[in-house]
C-alpha atoms as a PDB file:
ATOM      1  CA  UNK A   1     108.511 100.582 175.298  1.00  0.00           C
ATOM      2  CA  UNK A   2     105.804 100.352 172.836  1.00  0.00           C
ATOM      3  CA  UNK A   3     105.979 102.067 169.579  1.00  0.00           C
ATOM      4  CA  UNK A   4     103.012 104.558 169.185  1.00  0.00           C
ATOM      5  CA  UNK A   5     103.232 105.378 165.450  1.00  0.00           C
ATOM      6  CA  UNK A   6     100.760 105.743 162.668  1.00  0.00           C
ATOM      7  CA  UNK A   7     100.259 102.012 161.756  1.00  0.00           C
ATOM      8  CA  UNK A   8      97.168 102.490 159.937  1.00  0.00           C
ATOM      9  CA  UNK A   9      96.298  99.184 158.138  1.00  0.00           C
ATOM     10  CA  UNK A  10      96.635  99.584 154.357  1.00  0.00           C
ATOM     11  CA  UNK A  11      95.255  96.979 151.932  1.00  0.00           C
ATOM     12  CA  UNK A  12      97.351  95.729 149.029  1.00  0.00           C
ATOM     13  CA  UNK A  13      96.291  97.193 145.661  1.00  0.00           C
ATOM     14  CA  UNK A  14      95.692  93.770 144.145  1.00  0.00           C
ATOM     15  CA  UNK A  15      93.626  92.222 147.075  1.00  0.00           C
ATOM     16  CA  UNK A  16      90.712  90.417 145.460  1.00  0.00           C
ATOM     17  CA  UNK A  17      92.079  90.888 141.917  1.00  0.00           C
ATOM     18  CA  UNK A  18      93.051  88.273 139.506  1.00  0.00           C
ATOM     19  CA  UNK A  19      96.816  88.725 138.888  1.00  0.00           C
ATOM     20  CA  UNK A  20      99.180  86.875 136.506  1.00  0.00           C
ATOM     21  CA  UNK A  21      98.877  85.623 133.037  1.00  0.00           C
ATOM     22  CA  UNK A  22      95.471  86.192 131.382  1.00  0.00           C
ATOM     23  CA  UNK A  23      93.501  83.444 129.432  1.00  0.00           C
ATOM     24  CA  UNK A  24      94.008  83.689 125.734  1.00  0.00           C
ATOM     25  CA  UNK A  25      91.231  85.076 123.509  1.00  0.00           C
ATOM     26  CA  UNK A  26      88.663  82.554 122.264  1.00  0.00           C
ATOM     27  CA  UNK A  27      88.028  82.468 118.463  1.00  0.00           C
ATOM     28  CA  UNK A  28      84.406  83.879 119.045  1.00  0.00           C
ATOM     29  CA  UNK A  29      85.956  86.843 121.111  1.00  0.00           C
ATOM     30  CA  UNK A  30      88.455  87.617 118.239  1.00  0.00           C
ATOM     31  CA  UNK A  31      85.655  87.651 115.761  1.00  0.00           C
ATOM     32  CA  UNK A  32      83.388  89.831 117.924  1.00  0.00           C
ATOM     33  CA  UNK A  33      86.120  92.438 118.356  1.00  0.00           C
ATOM     34  CA  UNK A  34      86.812  92.446 114.593  1.00  0.00           C
ATOM     35  CA  UNK A  35      83.165  92.911 113.701  1.00  0.00           C
ATOM     36  CA  UNK A  36      82.789  95.745 116.258  1.00  0.00           C
ATOM     37  CA  UNK A  37      85.817  97.533 114.960  1.00  0.00           C
ATOM     38  CA  UNK A  38      84.543  97.134 111.504  1.00  0.00           C
ATOM     39  CA  UNK A  39      81.098  98.463 112.244  1.00  0.00           C
ATOM     40  CA  UNK A  40      82.554 101.441 114.038  1.00  0.00           C
ATOM     41  CA  UNK A  41      84.917 102.239 111.081  1.00  0.00           C
ATOM     42  CA  UNK A  42      88.068 102.122 113.160  1.00  0.00           C
ATOM     43  CA  UNK A  43      90.486 101.251 110.495  1.00  0.00           C
ATOM     44  CA  UNK A  44      93.802 101.745 112.300  1.00  0.00           C
ATOM     45  CA  UNK A  45      92.639  99.675 115.393  1.00  0.00           C
ATOM     46  CA  UNK A  46      91.361  96.966 113.169  1.00  0.00           C
ATOM     47  CA  UNK A  47      94.660  96.690 111.333  1.00  0.00           C
ATOM     48  CA  UNK A  48      96.786  96.745 114.489  1.00  0.00           C
ATOM     49  CA  UNK A  49      94.359  94.228 116.131  1.00  0.00           C
ATOM     50  CA  UNK A  50      94.664  91.807 113.128  1.00  0.00           C
ATOM     51  CA  UNK A  51      98.519  92.180 112.846  1.00  0.00           C
ATOM     52  CA  UNK A  52      98.657  91.575 116.579  1.00  0.00           C
ATOM     53  CA  UNK A  53      96.806  88.436 116.402  1.00  0.00           C
ATOM     54  CA  UNK A  54      98.778  87.256 113.397  1.00  0.00           C
ATOM     55  CA  UNK A  55     102.250  88.086 114.565  1.00  0.00           C
ATOM     56  CA  UNK A  56     101.976  87.582 118.293  1.00  0.00           C
ATOM     57  CA  UNK A  57     104.319  90.606 118.799  1.00  0.00           C
ATOM     58  CA  UNK A  58     104.540  92.607 121.965  1.00  0.00           C
ATOM     59  CA  UNK A  59     102.628  95.858 121.886  1.00  0.00           C
ATOM     60  CA  UNK A  60     105.860  97.819 121.788  1.00  0.00           C
ATOM     61  CA  UNK A  61     106.941  96.090 118.622  1.00  0.00           C
ATOM     62  CA  UNK A  62     103.407  96.297 117.112  1.00  0.00           C
ATOM     63  CA  UNK A  63     103.029 100.030 117.340  1.00  0.00           C
ATOM     64  CA  UNK A  64     106.646 100.467 116.116  1.00  0.00           C
ATOM     65  CA  UNK A  65     105.827  98.801 112.767  1.00  0.00           C
ATOM     66  CA  UNK A  66     106.239 100.898 109.608  1.00  0.00           C
ATOM     67  CA  UNK A  67     104.363 100.439 106.441  1.00  0.00           C
ATOM     68  CA  UNK A  68     107.459  99.286 104.710  1.00  0.00           C
ATOM     69  CA  UNK A  69     107.551  96.337 107.123  1.00  0.00           C
ATOM     70  CA  UNK A  70     104.271  94.942 105.928  1.00  0.00           C
ATOM     71  CA  UNK A  71     104.044  96.452 102.257  1.00  0.00           C
ATOM     72  CA  UNK A  72     106.070  96.027  99.104  1.00  0.00           C
ATOM     73  CA  UNK A  73     105.170  99.049  96.937  1.00  0.00           C
ATOM     74  CA  UNK A  74     101.446  99.335  96.902  1.00  0.00           C
ATOM     75  CA  UNK A  75     100.835  95.539  97.696  1.00  0.00           C
ATOM     76  CA  UNK A  76     100.455  94.199 101.245  1.00  0.00           C
ATOM     77  CA  UNK A  77     102.962  91.326 101.760  1.00  0.00           C
ATOM     78  CA  UNK A  78     101.860  87.773 102.536  1.00  0.00           C
ATOM     79  CA  UNK A  79     104.627  87.467 105.001  1.00  0.00           C
ATOM     80  CA  UNK A  80     106.660  89.805 107.066  1.00  0.00           C
ATOM     81  CA  UNK A  81     109.919  89.615 109.196  1.00  0.00           C
ATOM     82  CA  UNK A  82     110.223  92.085 112.147  1.00  0.00           C
ATOM     83  CA  UNK A  83     113.093  92.468 114.628  1.00  0.00           C
ATOM     84  CA  UNK A  84     111.901  92.177 118.218  1.00  0.00           C
ATOM     85  CA  UNK A  85     112.984  95.249 120.285  1.00  0.00           C
ATOM     86  CA  UNK A  86     113.322  93.286 123.512  1.00  0.00           C
ATOM     87  CA  UNK A  87     115.125  90.169 122.488  1.00  0.00           C
ATOM     88  CA  UNK A  88     116.717  91.491 119.175  1.00  0.00           C
ATOM     89  CA  UNK A  89     115.444  88.264 117.464  1.00  0.00           C
ATOM     90  CA  UNK A  90     113.656  88.236 114.151  1.00  0.00           C
ATOM     91  CA  UNK A  91     110.016  87.144 114.020  1.00  0.00           C
ATOM     92  CA  UNK A  92     108.502  85.756 110.761  1.00  0.00           C
ATOM     93  CA  UNK A  93     104.839  85.720 110.480  1.00  0.00           C
ATOM     94  CA  UNK A  94     102.175  85.273 107.896  1.00  0.00           C
ATOM     95  CA  UNK A  95      99.702  88.149 107.235  1.00  0.00           C
ATOM     96  CA  UNK A  96      96.182  86.721 106.909  1.00  0.00           C
ATOM     97  CA  UNK A  97      93.717  87.945 104.400  1.00  0.00           C
ATOM     98  CA  UNK A  98      91.701  89.664 107.131  1.00  0.00           C
ATOM     99  CA  UNK A  99      94.765  91.709 108.071  1.00  0.00           C
ATOM    100  CA  UNK A 100      95.600  92.444 104.508  1.00  0.00           C
ATOM    101  CA  UNK A 101      92.083  93.729 103.825  1.00  0.00           C
ATOM    102  CA  UNK A 102      92.255  96.019 106.950  1.00  0.00           C
ATOM    103  CA  UNK A 103      95.704  97.390 105.867  1.00  0.00           C
ATOM    104  CA  UNK A 104      94.424  98.126 102.319  1.00  0.00           C
ATOM    105  CA  UNK A 105      91.499 100.021 103.619  1.00  0.00           C
END
């Protein structure tokens, strides 16, 4: 008894695509993104991008940052400590001058 069902061949969604960990940004790519965001006047995206590069935080932790996490009064801090949501571990990072300039804008 042979089975006569609808056995249409379905391709996997990731066939022919590169999967897995992606290569890190090169320094020239980072600067190209920064310049493009500056030229377009996208201050929020530039600040988040710079903080993401500085801190190496996950995206969910990055968008959950508050102003008080990176500022003391009206001054942007040179260092910050943030608690990771997934691991509940503190992450200390230095805020570079490029990120401070973007945060003050």
